[in-house]
Amino acid sequence: GVITNRERHPSSFDVVHMKDAIGNSFATQLPTFLKYQILAKATNYRFLFPMERISAPPLLKRETRLAGKQ
């Protein structure tokens, strides 16, 4: 993942905007991002994100589903 922007909010959480390897953009709170980054270092992954929050784009899901039927 690549950090594309960081929003600073005084007296609140900072928000980090990111883009993953296939081009999906998403945002997360900075403390959440740091927690997963520390876990990623401990497990030798570059970045590790909660998979239940990340979904593939509909077109990629369709292509994957159709490739599985062939």
PDB file of N, CA and C in Angstrom:
ATOM      1  N   GLY A   1       0.815  -1.178   0.000  1.00  0.00           N
ATOM      2  CA  GLY A   1       0.000   0.000   0.000  1.00  0.00           C
ATOM      3  C   GLY A   1       0.862   1.246   0.000  1.00  0.00           C
ATOM      4  N   VAL A   2       0.339   2.311  -0.580  1.00  0.00           N
ATOM      5  CA  VAL A   2       1.038   3.585  -0.663  1.00  0.00           C
ATOM      6  C   VAL A   2       0.162   4.664  -0.043  1.00  0.00           C
ATOM      7  N   ILE A   3       0.742   5.456   0.844  1.00  0.00           N
ATOM      8  CA  ILE A   3       0.010   6.573   1.441  1.00  0.00           C
ATOM      9  C   ILE A   3      -0.064   7.689   0.413  1.00  0.00           C
ATOM     10  N   THR A   4      -1.280   8.138   0.096  1.00  0.00           N
ATOM     11  CA  THR A   4      -1.450   9.205  -0.884  1.00  0.00           C
ATOM     12  C   THR A   4      -1.741  10.548  -0.237  1.00  0.00           C
ATOM     13  N   ASN A   5      -2.298  10.539   0.968  1.00  0.00           N
ATOM     14  CA  ASN A   5      -2.651  11.789   1.633  1.00  0.00           C
ATOM     15  C   ASN A   5      -2.831  11.533   3.125  1.00  0.00           C
ATOM     16  N   ARG A   6      -2.599  12.556   3.917  1.00  0.00           N
ATOM     17  CA  ARG A   6      -2.843  12.479   5.362  1.00  0.00           C
ATOM     18  C   ARG A   6      -3.597  13.732   5.776  1.00  0.00           C
ATOM     19  N   GLU A   7      -4.781  13.543   6.346  1.00  0.00           N
ATOM     20  CA  GLU A   7      -5.594  14.655   6.844  1.00  0.00           C
ATOM     21  C   GLU A   7      -5.349  14.794   8.337  1.00  0.00           C
ATOM     22  N   ARG A   8      -4.987  15.974   8.750  1.00  0.00           N
ATOM     23  CA  ARG A   8      -4.772  16.222  10.175  1.00  0.00           C
ATOM     24  C   ARG A   8      -6.022  16.884  10.750  1.00  0.00           C
ATOM     25  N   HIS A   9      -6.543  16.315  11.827  1.00  0.00           N
ATOM     26  CA  HIS A   9      -7.718  16.836  12.509  1.00  0.00           C
ATOM     27  C   HIS A   9      -7.329  17.129  13.955  1.00  0.00           C
ATOM     28  N   PRO A  10      -7.247  18.391  14.332  1.00  0.00           N
ATOM     29  CA  PRO A  10      -6.863  18.727  15.710  1.00  0.00           C
ATOM     30  C   PRO A  10      -7.831  18.100  16.726  1.00  0.00           C
ATOM     31  N   SER A  11      -7.285  17.595  17.794  1.00  0.00           N
ATOM     32  CA  SER A  11      -8.056  16.976  18.887  1.00  0.00           C
ATOM     33  C   SER A  11      -8.866  15.773  18.428  1.00  0.00           C
ATOM     34  N   SER A  12      -8.427  15.128  17.380  1.00  0.00           N
ATOM     35  CA  SER A  12      -9.131  13.966  16.870  1.00  0.00           C
ATOM     36  C   SER A  12      -8.124  13.052  16.169  1.00  0.00           C
ATOM     37  N   PHE A  13      -8.623  12.000  15.550  1.00  0.00           N
ATOM     38  CA  PHE A  13      -7.754  11.094  14.809  1.00  0.00           C
ATOM     39  C   PHE A  13      -7.341  11.713  13.486  1.00  0.00           C
ATOM     40  N   ASP A  14      -6.118  11.456  13.072  1.00  0.00           N
ATOM     41  CA  ASP A  14      -5.702  11.809  11.722  1.00  0.00           C
ATOM     42  C   ASP A  14      -6.184  10.700  10.788  1.00  0.00           C
ATOM     43  N   VAL A  15      -6.475  11.071   9.543  1.00  0.00           N
ATOM     44  CA  VAL A  15      -6.953  10.117   8.552  1.00  0.00           C
ATOM     45  C   VAL A  15      -5.880   9.940   7.485  1.00  0.00           C
ATOM     46  N   VAL A  16      -5.580   8.686   7.161  1.00  0.00           N
ATOM     47  CA  VAL A  16      -4.583   8.368   6.145  1.00  0.00           C
ATOM     48  C   VAL A  16      -5.307   7.792   4.931  1.00  0.00           C
ATOM     49  N   HIS A  17      -5.086   8.392   3.756  1.00  0.00           N
ATOM     50  CA  HIS A  17      -5.642   7.885   2.505  1.00  0.00           C
ATOM     51  C   HIS A  17      -4.567   7.035   1.843  1.00  0.00           C
ATOM     52  N   MET A  18      -4.971   5.849   1.378  1.00  0.00           N
ATOM     53  CA  MET A  18      -4.004   4.911   0.804  1.00  0.00           C
ATOM     54  C   MET A  18      -4.518   4.349  -0.508  1.00  0.00           C
ATOM     55  N   LYS A  19      -3.585   3.810  -1.293  1.00  0.00           N
ATOM     56  CA  LYS A  19      -3.919   3.111  -2.535  1.00  0.00           C
ATOM     57  C   LYS A  19      -3.185   1.778  -2.503  1.00  0.00           C
ATOM     58  N   ASP A  20      -3.916   0.686  -2.779  1.00  0.00           N
ATOM     59  CA  ASP A  20      -3.288  -0.633  -2.735  1.00  0.00           C
ATOM     60  C   ASP A  20      -2.660  -0.992  -4.077  1.00  0.00           C
ATOM     61  N   ALA A  21      -2.120  -2.195  -4.173  1.00  0.00           N
ATOM     62  CA  ALA A  21      -1.349  -2.612  -5.347  1.00  0.00           C
ATOM     63  C   ALA A  21      -2.181  -2.671  -6.624  1.00  0.00           C
ATOM     64  N   ILE A  22      -3.485  -2.917  -6.515  1.00  0.00           N
ATOM     65  CA  ILE A  22      -4.312  -2.992  -7.723  1.00  0.00           C
ATOM     66  C   ILE A  22      -5.092  -1.713  -7.978  1.00  0.00           C
ATOM     67  N   GLY A  23      -4.791  -0.649  -7.231  1.00  0.00           N
ATOM     68  CA  GLY A  23      -5.364   0.664  -7.506  1.00  0.00           C
ATOM     69  C   GLY A  23      -6.580   1.055  -6.696  1.00  0.00           C
ATOM     70  N   ASN A  24      -7.008   0.242  -5.745  1.00  0.00           N
ATOM     71  CA  ASN A  24      -8.140   0.609  -4.896  1.00  0.00           C
ATOM     72  C   ASN A  24      -7.703   1.665  -3.896  1.00  0.00           C
ATOM     73  N   SER A  25      -8.510   2.705  -3.727  1.00  0.00           N
ATOM     74  CA  SER A  25      -8.218   3.747  -2.748  1.00  0.00           C
ATOM     75  C   SER A  25      -9.134   3.585  -1.547  1.00  0.00           C
ATOM     76  N   PHE A  26      -8.613   3.854  -0.367  1.00  0.00           N
ATOM     77  CA  PHE A  26      -9.406   3.789   0.850  1.00  0.00           C
ATOM     78  C   PHE A  26      -8.758   4.666   1.900  1.00  0.00           C
ATOM     79  N   ALA A  27      -9.476   4.906   2.979  1.00  0.00           N
ATOM     80  CA  ALA A  27      -8.980   5.742   4.067  1.00  0.00           C
ATOM     81  C   ALA A  27      -9.144   4.992   5.382  1.00  0.00           C
ATOM     82  N   THR A  28      -8.244   5.269   6.313  1.00  0.00           N
ATOM     83  CA  THR A  28      -8.319   4.669   7.640  1.00  0.00           C
ATOM     84  C   THR A  28      -7.762   5.660   8.652  1.00  0.00           C
ATOM     85  N   GLN A  29      -8.118   5.471   9.901  1.00  0.00           N
ATOM     86  CA  GLN A  29      -7.578   6.343  10.943  1.00  0.00           C
ATOM     87  C   GLN A  29      -6.117   6.002  11.170  1.00  0.00           C
ATOM     88  N   LEU A  30      -5.323   6.992  11.490  1.00  0.00           N
ATOM     89  CA  LEU A  30      -3.887   6.790  11.652  1.00  0.00           C
ATOM     90  C   LEU A  30      -3.551   5.754  12.729  1.00  0.00           C
ATOM     91  N   PRO A  31      -4.176   5.768  13.912  1.00  0.00           N
ATOM     92  CA  PRO A  31      -3.830   4.733  14.902  1.00  0.00           C
ATOM     93  C   PRO A  31      -4.092   3.319  14.384  1.00  0.00           C
ATOM     94  N   THR A  32      -5.148   3.126  13.610  1.00  0.00           N
ATOM     95  CA  THR A  32      -5.446   1.819  13.031  1.00  0.00           C
ATOM     96  C   THR A  32      -4.366   1.427  12.038  1.00  0.00           C
ATOM     97  N   PHE A  33      -3.960   2.367  11.205  1.00  0.00           N
ATOM     98  CA  PHE A  33      -2.907   2.117  10.220  1.00  0.00           C
ATOM     99  C   PHE A  33      -1.612   1.719  10.913  1.00  0.00           C
ATOM    100  N   LEU A  34      -1.238   2.439  11.963  1.00  0.00           N
ATOM    101  CA  LEU A  34       0.013   2.149  12.665  1.00  0.00           C
ATOM    102  C   LEU A  34      -0.024   0.777  13.325  1.00  0.00           C
ATOM    103  N   LYS A  35      -1.184   0.417  13.877  1.00  0.00           N
ATOM    104  CA  LYS A  35      -1.324  -0.896  14.510  1.00  0.00           C
ATOM    105  C   LYS A  35      -1.070  -2.006  13.493  1.00  0.00           C
ATOM    106  N   TYR A  36      -1.642  -1.908  12.317  1.00  0.00           N
ATOM    107  CA  TYR A  36      -1.453  -2.936  11.297  1.00  0.00           C
ATOM    108  C   TYR A  36      -0.051  -2.898  10.708  1.00  0.00           C
ATOM    109  N   GLN A  37       0.558  -1.713  10.639  1.00  0.00           N
ATOM    110  CA  GLN A  37       1.924  -1.621  10.132  1.00  0.00           C
ATOM    111  C   GLN A  37       2.898  -2.317  11.089  1.00  0.00           C
ATOM    112  N   ILE A  38       2.709  -2.139  12.392  1.00  0.00           N
ATOM    113  CA  ILE A  38       3.558  -2.811  13.385  1.00  0.00           C
ATOM    114  C   ILE A  38       3.372  -4.323  13.293  1.00  0.00           C
ATOM    115  N   LEU A  39       2.130  -4.773  13.149  1.00  0.00           N
ATOM    116  CA  LEU A  39       1.852  -6.201  12.995  1.00  0.00           C
ATOM    117  C   LEU A  39       2.486  -6.735  11.711  1.00  0.00           C
ATOM    118  N   ALA A  40       2.449  -5.947  10.650  1.00  0.00           N
ATOM    119  CA  ALA A  40       3.047  -6.371   9.376  1.00  0.00           C
ATOM    120  C   ALA A  40       4.552  -6.560   9.523  1.00  0.00           C
ATOM    121  N   LYS A  41       5.212  -5.675  10.247  1.00  0.00           N
ATOM    122  CA  LYS A  41       6.653  -5.815  10.454  1.00  0.00           C
ATOM    123  C   LYS A  41       6.966  -7.076  11.252  1.00  0.00           C
ATOM    124  N   ALA A  42       6.119  -7.392  12.210  1.00  0.00           N
ATOM    125  CA  ALA A  42       6.344  -8.571  13.041  1.00  0.00           C
ATOM    126  C   ALA A  42       6.152  -9.863  12.251  1.00  0.00           C
ATOM    127  N   THR A  43       5.323  -9.817  11.214  1.00  0.00           N
ATOM    128  CA  THR A  43       5.043 -11.020  10.424  1.00  0.00           C
ATOM    129  C   THR A  43       5.726 -10.999   9.060  1.00  0.00           C
ATOM    130  N   ASN A  44       6.638 -10.046   8.846  1.00  0.00           N
ATOM    131  CA  ASN A  44       7.410  -9.920   7.604  1.00  0.00           C
ATOM    132  C   ASN A  44       6.565  -9.604   6.376  1.00  0.00           C
ATOM    133  N   TYR A  45       5.417  -8.960   6.548  1.00  0.00           N
ATOM    134  CA  TYR A  45       4.631  -8.461   5.430  1.00  0.00           C
ATOM    135  C   TYR A  45       4.872  -6.968   5.316  1.00  0.00           C
ATOM    136  N   ARG A  46       4.754  -6.436   4.087  1.00  0.00           N
ATOM    137  CA  ARG A  46       4.953  -5.001   3.918  1.00  0.00           C
ATOM    138  C   ARG A  46       3.832  -4.233   4.614  1.00  0.00           C
ATOM    139  N   PHE A  47       2.596  -4.559   4.291  1.00  0.00           N
ATOM    140  CA  PHE A  47       1.438  -3.989   4.970  1.00  0.00           C
ATOM    141  C   PHE A  47       0.438  -5.105   5.173  1.00  0.00           C
ATOM    142  N   LEU A  48      -0.304  -5.025   6.235  1.00  0.00           N
ATOM    143  CA  LEU A  48      -1.322  -6.022   6.527  1.00  0.00           C
ATOM    144  C   LEU A  48      -2.578  -5.269   6.916  1.00  0.00           C
ATOM    145  N   PHE A  49      -3.664  -5.528   6.215  1.00  0.00           N
ATOM    146  CA  PHE A  49      -4.910  -4.819   6.473  1.00  0.00           C
ATOM    147  C   PHE A  49      -5.992  -5.818   6.850  1.00  0.00           C
ATOM    148  N   PRO A  50      -6.990  -5.364   7.590  1.00  0.00           N
ATOM    149  CA  PRO A  50      -8.092  -6.260   7.936  1.00  0.00           C
ATOM    150  C   PRO A  50      -8.874  -6.624   6.676  1.00  0.00           C
ATOM    151  N   MET A  51      -8.881  -7.886   6.300  1.00  0.00           N
ATOM    152  CA  MET A  51      -9.466  -8.303   5.032  1.00  0.00           C
ATOM    153  C   MET A  51     -10.973  -8.106   4.982  1.00  0.00           C
ATOM    154  N   GLU A  52     -11.653  -8.104   6.108  1.00  0.00           N
ATOM    155  CA  GLU A  52     -13.099  -7.926   6.074  1.00  0.00           C
ATOM    156  C   GLU A  52     -13.494  -6.510   5.660  1.00  0.00           C
ATOM    157  N   ARG A  53     -12.566  -5.579   5.694  1.00  0.00           N
ATOM    158  CA  ARG A  53     -12.874  -4.197   5.322  1.00  0.00           C
ATOM    159  C   ARG A  53     -12.493  -3.885   3.879  1.00  0.00           C
ATOM    160  N   ILE A  54     -11.726  -4.759   3.253  1.00  0.00           N
ATOM    161  CA  ILE A  54     -11.257  -4.502   1.901  1.00  0.00           C
ATOM    162  C   ILE A  54     -11.978  -5.446   0.957  1.00  0.00           C
ATOM    163  N   SER A  55     -12.530  -4.892  -0.101  1.00  0.00           N
ATOM    164  CA  SER A  55     -13.246  -5.690  -1.070  1.00  0.00           C
ATOM    165  C   SER A  55     -12.693  -5.396  -2.457  1.00  0.00           C
ATOM    166  N   ALA A  56     -12.595  -6.415  -3.279  1.00  0.00           N
ATOM    167  CA  ALA A  56     -12.130  -6.226  -4.647  1.00  0.00           C
ATOM    168  C   ALA A  56     -13.197  -5.475  -5.438  1.00  0.00           C
ATOM    169  N   PRO A  57     -12.788  -4.723  -6.448  1.00  0.00           N
ATOM    170  CA  PRO A  57     -13.765  -4.028  -7.283  1.00  0.00           C
ATOM    171  C   PRO A  57     -14.684  -5.041  -7.972  1.00  0.00           C
ATOM    172  N   PRO A  58     -15.929  -4.655  -8.256  1.00  0.00           N
ATOM    173  CA  PRO A  58     -16.885  -5.596  -8.863  1.00  0.00           C
ATOM    174  C   PRO A  58     -16.379  -6.229 -10.159  1.00  0.00           C
ATOM    175  N   LEU A  59     -15.686  -5.465 -11.002  1.00  0.00           N
ATOM    176  CA  LEU A  59     -15.192  -6.022 -12.261  1.00  0.00           C
ATOM    177  C   LEU A  59     -14.153  -7.114 -12.005  1.00  0.00           C
ATOM    178  N   LEU A  60     -13.265  -6.900 -11.035  1.00  0.00           N
ATOM    179  CA  LEU A  60     -12.265  -7.913 -10.698  1.00  0.00           C
ATOM    180  C   LEU A  60     -12.929  -9.158 -10.118  1.00  0.00           C
ATOM    181  N   LYS A  61     -13.955  -8.975  -9.290  1.00  0.00           N
ATOM    182  CA  LYS A  61     -14.692 -10.119  -8.745  1.00  0.00           C
ATOM    183  C   LYS A  61     -15.327 -10.934  -9.873  1.00  0.00           C
ATOM    184  N   ARG A  62     -15.927 -10.222 -10.840  1.00  0.00           N
ATOM    185  CA  ARG A  62     -16.580 -10.892 -11.966  1.00  0.00           C
ATOM    186  C   ARG A  62     -15.562 -11.678 -12.788  1.00  0.00           C
ATOM    187  N   GLU A  63     -14.417 -11.054 -13.101  1.00  0.00           N
ATOM    188  CA  GLU A  63     -13.388 -11.734 -13.890  1.00  0.00           C
ATOM    189  C   GLU A  63     -12.873 -12.979 -13.166  1.00  0.00           C
ATOM    190  N   THR A  64     -12.691 -12.876 -11.865  1.00  0.00           N
ATOM    191  CA  THR A  64     -12.221 -14.010 -11.073  1.00  0.00           C
ATOM    192  C   THR A  64     -13.257 -15.134 -11.079  1.00  0.00           C
ATOM    193  N   ARG A  65     -14.524 -14.762 -10.928  1.00  0.00           N
ATOM    194  CA  ARG A  65     -15.602 -15.747 -10.915  1.00  0.00           C
ATOM    195  C   ARG A  65     -15.707 -16.453 -12.270  1.00  0.00           C
ATOM    196  N   LEU A  66     -15.625 -15.676 -13.365  1.00  0.00           N
ATOM    197  CA  LEU A  66     -15.725 -16.261 -14.700  1.00  0.00           C
ATOM    198  C   LEU A  66     -14.514 -17.136 -15.023  1.00  0.00           C
ATOM    199  N   ALA A  67     -13.334 -16.749 -14.563  1.00  0.00           N
ATOM    200  CA  ALA A  67     -12.129 -17.548 -14.799  1.00  0.00           C
ATOM    201  C   ALA A  67     -12.220 -18.891 -14.079  1.00  0.00           C
ATOM    202  N   GLY A  68     -12.881 -18.913 -12.939  1.00  0.00           N
ATOM    203  CA  GLY A  68     -13.035 -20.148 -12.175  1.00  0.00           C
ATOM    204  C   GLY A  68     -13.987 -21.136 -12.831  1.00  0.00           C
ATOM    205  N   LYS A  69     -14.931 -20.640 -13.645  1.00  0.00           N
ATOM    206  CA  LYS A  69     -15.908 -21.512 -14.302  1.00  0.00           C
ATOM    207  C   LYS A  69     -15.340 -22.181 -15.549  1.00  0.00           C
ATOM    208  N   GLN A  70     -14.254 -21.663 -16.082  1.00  0.00           N
ATOM    209  CA  GLN A  70     -13.696 -22.214 -17.332  1.00  0.00           C
ATOM    210  C   GLN A  70     -12.864 -23.435 -17.092  1.00  0.00           C
TER     211      GLN A  70
END
